[in-house]
Protein backbone atom coordinates (compact mmCIF):
# COMPACT_ATOMS: atom_id res chain seq x y z
CA MET A 1 -50.94 57.48 -109.64
CA ILE A 2 -51.66 60.20 -112.18
CA CYS A 3 -49.87 63.45 -111.42
CA ALA A 4 -50.73 66.03 -114.04
CA ALA A 5 -50.67 69.79 -114.18
CA HIS A 6 -53.76 71.86 -114.90
CA SER A 7 -53.17 72.23 -118.61
CA ALA A 8 -54.42 70.84 -121.87
CA ARG A 9 -51.63 68.31 -121.92
CA PRO A 10 -51.21 66.12 -118.84
CA ARG A 11 -47.74 65.70 -117.48
CA VAL A 12 -46.13 63.88 -114.58
CA VAL A 13 -45.16 66.18 -111.74
CA ALA A 14 -41.45 65.70 -111.17
CA HIS A 15 -40.12 64.64 -107.78
CA SER A 16 -36.59 65.80 -107.01
CA ALA A 17 -34.31 63.57 -104.95
CA SER A 18 -34.37 66.09 -102.11
CA ASN A 19 -38.16 66.19 -102.13
CA SER A 20 -38.29 62.39 -102.06
CA ARG A 21 -35.86 62.26 -99.14
CA SER A 22 -37.76 64.88 -97.15
CA ARG A 23 -41.05 63.12 -97.79
CA ALA A 24 -39.56 59.81 -96.71
CA ALA A 25 -38.29 61.44 -93.53
CA ARG A 26 -41.74 62.79 -92.75
CA LEU A 27 -43.30 59.43 -93.37
CA ARG A 28 -40.85 57.74 -91.01
CA THR A 29 -42.14 59.93 -88.20
CA CYS A 30 -45.65 58.53 -88.69
CA VAL A 31 -45.11 54.90 -89.70
CA VAL A 32 -43.75 52.12 -87.49
CA ARG A 33 -42.95 48.70 -88.90
CA ALA A 34 -42.60 45.82 -86.46
CA ALA A 35 -43.95 42.35 -85.73
CA LYS A 36 -45.77 41.06 -82.66
CA THR A 37 -43.32 41.45 -79.82
CA THR A 38 -43.25 40.72 -76.11
CA ASP A 39 -42.31 44.29 -75.24
CA GLY A 40 -44.97 45.95 -77.42
CA PRO A 41 -48.00 47.75 -76.00
CA LYS A 42 -51.15 45.89 -75.03
CA ILE A 43 -53.94 47.00 -77.36
CA ALA A 44 -57.71 47.15 -76.85
CA ILE A 45 -60.30 47.76 -79.56
CA VAL A 46 -63.51 49.27 -78.16
CA GLY A 47 -66.41 48.71 -80.54
CA VAL A 48 -64.64 45.90 -82.37
CA THR A 49 -67.81 44.56 -84.00
CA GLY A 50 -68.55 47.77 -85.92
CA ALA A 51 -67.29 48.86 -89.35
CA VAL A 52 -64.49 51.01 -87.94
CA GLY A 53 -63.65 48.44 -85.25
CA GLN A 54 -63.12 45.81 -87.90
CA GLU A 55 -61.08 48.26 -89.96
CA PHE A 56 -58.88 48.89 -86.91
CA LEU A 57 -57.91 45.22 -87.00
CA ARG A 58 -57.18 45.25 -90.73
CA VAL A 59 -55.07 48.42 -90.51
CA LEU A 60 -53.11 47.19 -87.49
CA LYS A 61 -52.21 44.07 -89.44
CA GLU A 62 -51.48 45.89 -92.70
CA ARG A 63 -49.06 48.20 -90.92
CA ASP A 64 -47.55 45.44 -88.73
CA PHE A 65 -48.30 47.51 -85.64
CA PRO A 66 -46.16 46.26 -82.73
CA TYR A 67 -48.22 44.80 -79.90
CA SER A 68 -47.82 42.20 -77.19
CA ASP A 69 -51.48 41.39 -76.59
CA MET A 70 -54.89 42.22 -78.00
CA LYS A 71 -58.21 42.72 -76.21
CA MET A 72 -61.48 43.02 -78.14
CA LEU A 73 -64.29 44.88 -76.36
CA ALA A 74 -67.91 45.55 -77.21
CA SER A 75 -71.37 45.60 -75.66
CA ALA A 76 -72.76 42.76 -73.59
CA ARG A 77 -74.87 41.79 -76.60
CA SER A 78 -71.74 41.22 -78.70
CA ALA A 79 -69.67 39.54 -76.00
CA GLY A 80 -68.70 36.00 -76.92
CA ARG A 81 -68.22 36.61 -80.62
CA GLN A 82 -64.90 35.46 -81.98
CA TYR A 83 -62.55 37.12 -84.45
CA ASP A 84 -59.28 35.93 -85.94
CA PHE A 85 -56.43 38.40 -85.84
CA ASP A 86 -52.83 37.79 -86.79
CA GLY A 87 -53.19 34.02 -86.63
CA GLN A 88 -54.97 33.90 -83.28
CA THR A 89 -58.65 33.70 -82.33
CA TYR A 90 -59.92 36.27 -79.83
CA THR A 91 -63.22 36.28 -77.95
CA VAL A 92 -65.01 39.60 -77.61
CA GLU A 93 -65.35 40.70 -73.99
CA GLU A 94 -68.02 42.92 -72.52
CA LEU A 95 -66.80 46.50 -72.03
CA LYS A 96 -66.58 47.22 -68.30
CA GLU A 97 -64.91 49.76 -66.05
CA ASP A 98 -62.07 47.37 -65.25
CA SER A 99 -61.42 46.46 -68.88
CA PHE A 100 -58.38 48.75 -69.14
CA ASN A 101 -56.37 47.77 -66.08
CA ASP A 102 -53.84 45.89 -68.22
CA VAL A 103 -54.10 47.90 -71.47
CA ASP A 104 -51.58 50.43 -72.85
CA ILE A 105 -53.44 51.79 -75.90
CA ALA A 106 -57.19 51.69 -76.56
CA LEU A 107 -58.71 52.51 -79.92
CA PHE A 108 -62.31 53.62 -79.39
CA SER A 109 -65.07 53.60 -82.01
CA ALA A 110 -68.26 52.81 -80.12
CA GLY A 111 -70.07 56.16 -80.17
CA GLY A 112 -69.83 59.36 -78.17
CA SER A 113 -71.75 58.22 -75.11
CA ILE A 114 -69.50 55.18 -74.64
CA SER A 115 -66.39 57.31 -75.10
CA LYS A 116 -67.58 59.92 -72.60
CA LYS A 117 -68.07 57.23 -69.95
CA PHE A 118 -65.16 54.88 -70.56
CA ALA A 119 -62.33 56.94 -72.10
CA PRO A 120 -61.64 58.87 -68.84
CA ILE A 121 -61.75 55.59 -66.91
CA ALA A 122 -59.22 54.08 -69.32
CA SER A 123 -56.99 57.14 -69.08
CA ASP A 124 -57.07 57.08 -65.28
CA ALA A 125 -55.94 53.44 -65.46
CA GLY A 126 -52.85 54.50 -67.42
CA CYS A 127 -54.21 53.52 -70.83
CA THR A 128 -53.76 56.04 -73.64
CA VAL A 129 -56.98 56.45 -75.61
CA VAL A 130 -57.36 57.31 -79.30
CA ASP A 131 -61.04 58.16 -79.65
CA ASN A 132 -62.87 58.16 -82.98
CA SER A 133 -66.04 59.82 -81.66
CA SER A 134 -66.84 63.52 -81.35
CA ALA A 135 -66.90 63.32 -77.53
CA PHE A 136 -63.58 65.08 -76.86
CA ARG A 137 -62.65 66.77 -80.13
CA MET A 138 -63.29 70.30 -78.92
CA THR A 139 -62.31 69.67 -75.30
CA GLU A 140 -59.56 71.99 -74.12
CA GLY A 141 -56.34 70.08 -73.57
CA VAL A 142 -57.32 67.08 -75.72
CA PRO A 143 -55.21 66.95 -78.90
CA LEU A 144 -57.16 66.69 -82.16
CA VAL A 145 -54.67 65.09 -84.51
CA ILE A 146 -54.07 64.25 -88.15
CA PRO A 147 -50.51 62.86 -88.05
CA GLU A 148 -49.47 64.33 -91.40
CA VAL A 149 -50.88 67.73 -90.42
CA ASN A 150 -50.33 68.48 -86.72
CA PRO A 151 -48.40 65.71 -84.91
CA GLU A 152 -46.91 68.39 -82.63
CA ALA A 153 -50.30 68.67 -80.90
CA MET A 154 -49.59 65.37 -79.10
CA ALA A 155 -45.89 65.94 -78.50
CA GLY A 156 -44.60 64.16 -75.39
CA MET A 157 -47.49 61.70 -75.15
CA LYS A 158 -46.48 58.03 -74.86
CA PHE A 159 -48.45 54.84 -74.53
CA GLY A 160 -49.21 53.56 -71.07
CA GLN A 161 -49.18 57.04 -69.54
CA GLY A 162 -52.89 57.79 -69.86
CA GLY A 163 -54.38 60.67 -71.79
CA ILE A 164 -56.96 61.01 -74.55
CA ILE A 165 -56.30 61.94 -78.20
CA ALA A 166 -59.24 62.71 -80.46
CA ASN A 167 -59.57 61.56 -84.05
CA PRO A 168 -61.09 64.36 -86.18
CA ASN A 169 -64.32 63.99 -88.11
CA CYS A 170 -63.87 61.99 -91.30
CA SER A 171 -64.81 64.89 -93.57
CA THR A 172 -62.36 67.17 -91.78
CA ILE A 173 -59.52 64.67 -92.15
CA ILE A 174 -60.14 64.16 -95.86
CA ALA A 175 -60.39 67.90 -96.54
CA LEU A 176 -57.33 68.89 -94.54
CA MET A 177 -55.12 66.21 -96.09
CA ALA A 178 -55.65 68.06 -99.37
CA VAL A 179 -55.78 71.65 -98.17
CA THR A 180 -53.00 71.72 -95.55
CA PRO A 181 -50.02 71.74 -97.95
CA LEU A 182 -51.64 74.62 -99.81
CA HIS A 183 -52.41 76.42 -96.55
CA ARG A 184 -48.77 76.16 -95.48
CA ALA A 185 -47.63 77.73 -98.74
CA ALA A 186 -50.21 80.48 -99.29
CA ASN A 187 -52.34 80.72 -96.10
CA VAL A 188 -56.00 79.86 -96.61
CA LYS A 189 -58.30 82.76 -95.69
CA ARG A 190 -61.61 81.12 -96.63
CA MET A 191 -62.73 77.61 -97.50
CA VAL A 192 -66.07 76.68 -99.07
CA VAL A 193 -66.65 72.93 -99.01
CA SER A 194 -69.47 70.68 -100.16
CA THR A 195 -69.25 67.05 -99.06
CA TYR A 196 -70.80 63.98 -100.67
CA GLN A 197 -70.72 61.45 -97.87
CA ALA A 198 -70.84 57.67 -98.05
CA ALA A 199 -73.01 55.23 -96.11
CA SER A 200 -70.03 54.05 -94.06
CA GLY A 201 -70.08 57.31 -92.12
CA ALA A 202 -73.33 56.15 -90.55
CA GLY A 203 -71.96 52.70 -89.70
CA GLN A 204 -72.22 49.13 -90.85
CA ALA A 205 -76.03 49.08 -90.60
CA ALA A 206 -76.31 52.00 -93.05
CA MET A 207 -74.02 50.24 -95.51
CA GLU A 208 -76.12 47.11 -95.30
CA GLU A 209 -79.35 49.06 -95.72
CA LEU A 210 -78.02 50.84 -98.81
CA GLU A 211 -77.28 47.46 -100.38
CA LEU A 212 -80.72 46.15 -99.38
CA GLN A 213 -82.53 49.25 -100.69
CA THR A 214 -80.70 49.03 -104.00
CA ARG A 215 -81.93 45.45 -104.51
CA GLU A 216 -85.45 46.41 -103.41
CA ALA A 217 -85.61 49.41 -105.74
CA LEU A 218 -84.39 47.41 -108.74
CA GLU A 219 -86.89 44.65 -107.99
CA GLY A 220 -89.79 47.07 -107.46
CA LYS A 221 -90.25 46.11 -103.83
CA PRO A 222 -91.18 48.42 -100.92
CA ILE A 223 -88.10 50.20 -99.59
CA THR A 224 -86.84 49.31 -96.11
CA MET A 225 -86.00 52.51 -94.18
CA ASN A 226 -84.63 51.75 -90.72
CA ILE A 227 -81.51 53.94 -90.62
CA PHE A 228 -82.58 57.12 -92.42
CA PRO A 229 -86.07 58.59 -92.83
CA PHE A 230 -85.45 58.85 -96.58
CA GLN A 231 -84.81 56.35 -99.33
CA TYR A 232 -81.03 56.19 -99.67
CA ALA A 233 -80.66 54.11 -102.84
CA PHE A 234 -80.77 56.23 -106.03
CA ASN A 235 -81.18 59.37 -103.92
CA LEU A 236 -79.24 61.94 -101.93
CA PHE A 237 -80.21 64.20 -99.06
CA SER A 238 -78.88 66.67 -96.53
CA HIS A 239 -76.67 65.03 -93.90
CA ASN A 240 -78.74 63.51 -91.11
CA ALA A 241 -76.81 65.22 -88.28
CA PRO A 242 -78.97 67.38 -85.99
CA MET A 243 -79.57 70.97 -87.09
CA THR A 244 -78.12 73.84 -85.05
CA ASP A 245 -79.51 77.32 -84.41
CA THR A 246 -77.32 78.63 -87.25
CA LEU A 247 -79.19 76.36 -89.70
CA TYR A 248 -75.94 74.49 -90.25
CA ASN A 249 -76.09 70.88 -89.16
CA GLU A 250 -73.63 69.46 -86.63
CA GLU A 251 -71.58 67.70 -89.30
CA GLU A 252 -71.01 71.01 -91.07
CA MET A 253 -70.08 72.78 -87.83
CA LYS A 254 -67.60 70.01 -87.01
CA MET A 255 -65.66 70.92 -90.13
CA VAL A 256 -65.68 74.60 -89.17
CA LYS A 257 -64.59 74.16 -85.56
CA GLU A 258 -62.20 71.25 -86.01
CA THR A 259 -60.27 72.91 -88.83
CA ALA A 260 -59.64 75.98 -86.69
CA LYS A 261 -58.38 73.79 -83.83
CA ILE A 262 -56.18 71.54 -85.96
CA TRP A 263 -54.59 74.47 -87.78
CA ASN A 264 -54.50 76.55 -84.58
CA ASP A 265 -56.02 79.34 -86.65
CA LYS A 266 -59.13 81.09 -85.34
CA ASP A 267 -59.17 83.50 -88.28
CA VAL A 268 -59.77 80.99 -91.08
CA ARG A 269 -63.32 81.27 -92.42
CA ILE A 270 -65.13 78.09 -93.40
CA THR A 271 -68.58 77.28 -94.69
CA ALA A 272 -69.73 73.74 -95.39
CA THR A 273 -72.69 71.87 -96.89
CA CYS A 274 -72.77 68.14 -96.11
CA ILE A 275 -74.83 65.72 -98.21
CA ARG A 276 -75.43 61.97 -97.96
CA VAL A 277 -74.99 60.15 -101.29
CA PRO A 278 -75.58 56.47 -102.15
CA VAL A 279 -71.90 55.50 -102.12
CA MET A 280 -70.62 52.70 -99.91
CA ARG A 281 -67.44 53.86 -98.12
CA ALA A 282 -65.55 56.83 -99.61
CA HIS A 283 -66.45 60.50 -99.20
CA ALA A 284 -66.05 63.12 -101.93
CA GLU A 285 -65.57 66.85 -101.35
CA SER A 286 -65.68 69.87 -103.63
CA ILE A 287 -63.50 72.61 -102.15
CA ASN A 288 -63.07 76.28 -103.09
CA LEU A 289 -60.17 78.11 -101.47
CA GLU A 290 -59.26 81.77 -101.06
CA PHE A 291 -55.63 82.49 -100.12
CA GLU A 292 -53.71 85.43 -98.71
CA LYS A 293 -50.87 84.87 -101.19
CA ASP A 294 -50.82 84.09 -104.89
CA ILE A 295 -50.75 80.39 -105.80
CA THR A 296 -51.16 78.74 -109.20
CA ALA A 297 -52.70 75.39 -110.04
CA ASP A 298 -49.28 74.06 -111.10
CA GLU A 299 -47.76 75.12 -107.78
CA ALA A 300 -50.63 73.50 -105.92
CA LEU A 301 -50.16 70.23 -107.79
CA GLU A 302 -46.45 70.18 -106.94
CA LEU A 303 -47.24 70.73 -103.26
CA LEU A 304 -49.94 68.05 -103.24
CA ALA A 305 -47.74 65.49 -104.99
CA ALA A 306 -45.06 65.96 -102.32
CA PHE A 307 -47.42 65.68 -99.36
CA PRO A 308 -47.51 62.29 -97.55
CA GLY A 309 -50.87 60.56 -97.70
CA VAL A 310 -52.01 62.32 -100.89
CA THR A 311 -52.28 60.91 -104.41
CA VAL A 312 -52.78 63.42 -107.20
CA VAL A 313 -55.26 62.17 -109.83
CA ASN A 314 -55.53 65.04 -112.26
CA ASP A 315 -55.62 64.31 -115.99
CA PRO A 316 -57.76 66.93 -117.77
CA ARG A 317 -56.96 65.57 -121.21
CA GLU A 318 -58.43 62.15 -120.43
CA ASN A 319 -60.98 63.50 -117.93
CA VAL A 320 -59.55 61.28 -115.17
CA PHE A 321 -60.01 62.63 -111.67
CA PRO A 322 -60.70 61.25 -108.16
CA THR A 323 -63.77 59.09 -107.60
CA PRO A 324 -65.14 57.51 -104.43
CA LEU A 325 -64.72 54.08 -106.01
CA SER A 326 -61.07 54.59 -106.88
CA ALA A 327 -60.37 55.95 -103.38
CA SER A 328 -62.12 53.08 -101.59
CA ASN A 329 -59.87 50.78 -99.54
CA LYS A 330 -56.92 53.10 -100.16
CA ASP A 331 -54.71 54.69 -97.52
CA ASN A 332 -54.18 57.88 -99.50
CA VAL A 333 -56.61 60.69 -100.16
CA GLU A 334 -57.02 61.42 -103.87
CA VAL A 335 -56.96 65.02 -105.09
CA GLY A 336 -57.72 66.41 -108.56
CA ARG A 337 -59.71 68.97 -110.59
CA VAL A 338 -57.13 71.50 -109.38
CA ARG A 339 -57.82 74.74 -111.21
CA LYS A 340 -57.82 78.51 -110.88
CA ASP A 341 -61.05 80.03 -109.56
CA ILE A 342 -62.12 81.98 -112.65
CA SER A 343 -64.63 84.04 -110.67
CA ARG A 344 -61.66 85.96 -109.28
CA ASP A 345 -59.47 88.54 -111.05
CA ASP A 346 -56.37 87.56 -109.05
CA ASN A 347 -54.35 84.39 -108.42
CA LYS A 348 -55.60 83.86 -104.88
CA GLY A 349 -58.32 81.31 -105.56
CA LEU A 350 -58.35 77.59 -106.41
CA ASP A 351 -60.92 74.83 -106.81
CA LEU A 352 -60.23 71.16 -106.17
CA PHE A 353 -62.01 67.83 -105.78
CA VAL A 354 -61.05 65.32 -103.10
CA CYS A 355 -62.01 61.69 -102.40
CA GLY A 356 -60.99 59.62 -99.42
CA ASP A 357 -61.96 56.36 -97.79
CA GLN A 358 -64.10 57.30 -94.80
CA VAL A 359 -63.49 54.05 -92.94
CA LYS A 360 -59.74 54.08 -93.54
CA LYS A 361 -58.07 57.51 -93.53
CA GLY A 362 -61.29 59.10 -92.30
CA ALA A 363 -61.28 56.89 -89.20
CA ALA A 364 -59.26 53.72 -88.56
CA LEU A 365 -56.03 54.51 -90.41
CA ASN A 366 -55.77 57.97 -88.88
CA ALA A 367 -56.29 56.52 -85.40
CA VAL A 368 -53.63 53.84 -85.91
CA GLN A 369 -51.21 56.45 -87.24
CA VAL A 370 -51.86 58.44 -84.05
CA ALA A 371 -51.15 55.31 -82.02
CA GLU A 372 -47.87 54.87 -83.90
CA LEU A 373 -46.80 58.30 -82.67
CA LEU A 374 -47.24 57.02 -79.10
CA LEU A 375 -44.56 54.34 -79.53
């Protein structure tokens, strides 16, 4: 981890003992360490064959999530596949209305239409759902949660008691992991964000097609385009989400609306431009912030270094900053390029650059952390 101030000479941001203790206390509220146990919750993974579904399994194991039984669910087409998890082989079952009768927690990542149909059924059966789709994010009464940011939104919810909790959009999660500590200190008035989004956000098939297109382009072969209507390899293009009447696409509007809900702040002003780039699994975001109060780059770096789930990578002298590759397969979001906005005459503006693994913190890890809060 490189923690350096915005100055000609990089330095390590100091961590006081009290800061370390307070950070550890915050982390303990979000992280549960336990082995497979007879009194743990029964877990179901909905959409287990997809990129995020497979990441659910890896994250559950990495974090030693306590569970008593595991059920793997997918479409009828995928039923019968087998996956090894924690030393045992499981057979994928077809997702049906009665799939949740004996389940305490279900992690969903099978698309909005599946979530809209089956998440309420699961909840009615007493299963608590953590949903990775956009189906319920803006639904009144459904918590939209990043555990490091707003765990209070799901206060009182426990596994096995029903209910639905929504996982935010991946770009929103990655942005707010970086911006929230600064918002708490100086109150963000306006955020301008440009995202550079990886193939993983469009699923396993998009990742595979990016790899295929790269080989085809290098070999001079015709380019296979099944997922996007544009060549993806060696190219970038506006995010493929549907366009709205505002001429912002739905991905951009997710960041606007979800941030206001997560922060419980209807006054914050946000504008976003979302771009697909030929990167495999980590998103990058360029963020400009306007604050109500003065805040310096050094102060921002101190706040970021103390925030759980953030790694500061900010070495101007060596030109070392976050990259999608360095953030890939990492739990933490990387933040760097922290600097004063020189277009302003005051100290109320900062620029920063953020990278985070879309499959991990942008999806599976965040959902598992939410599930840990249910224990």
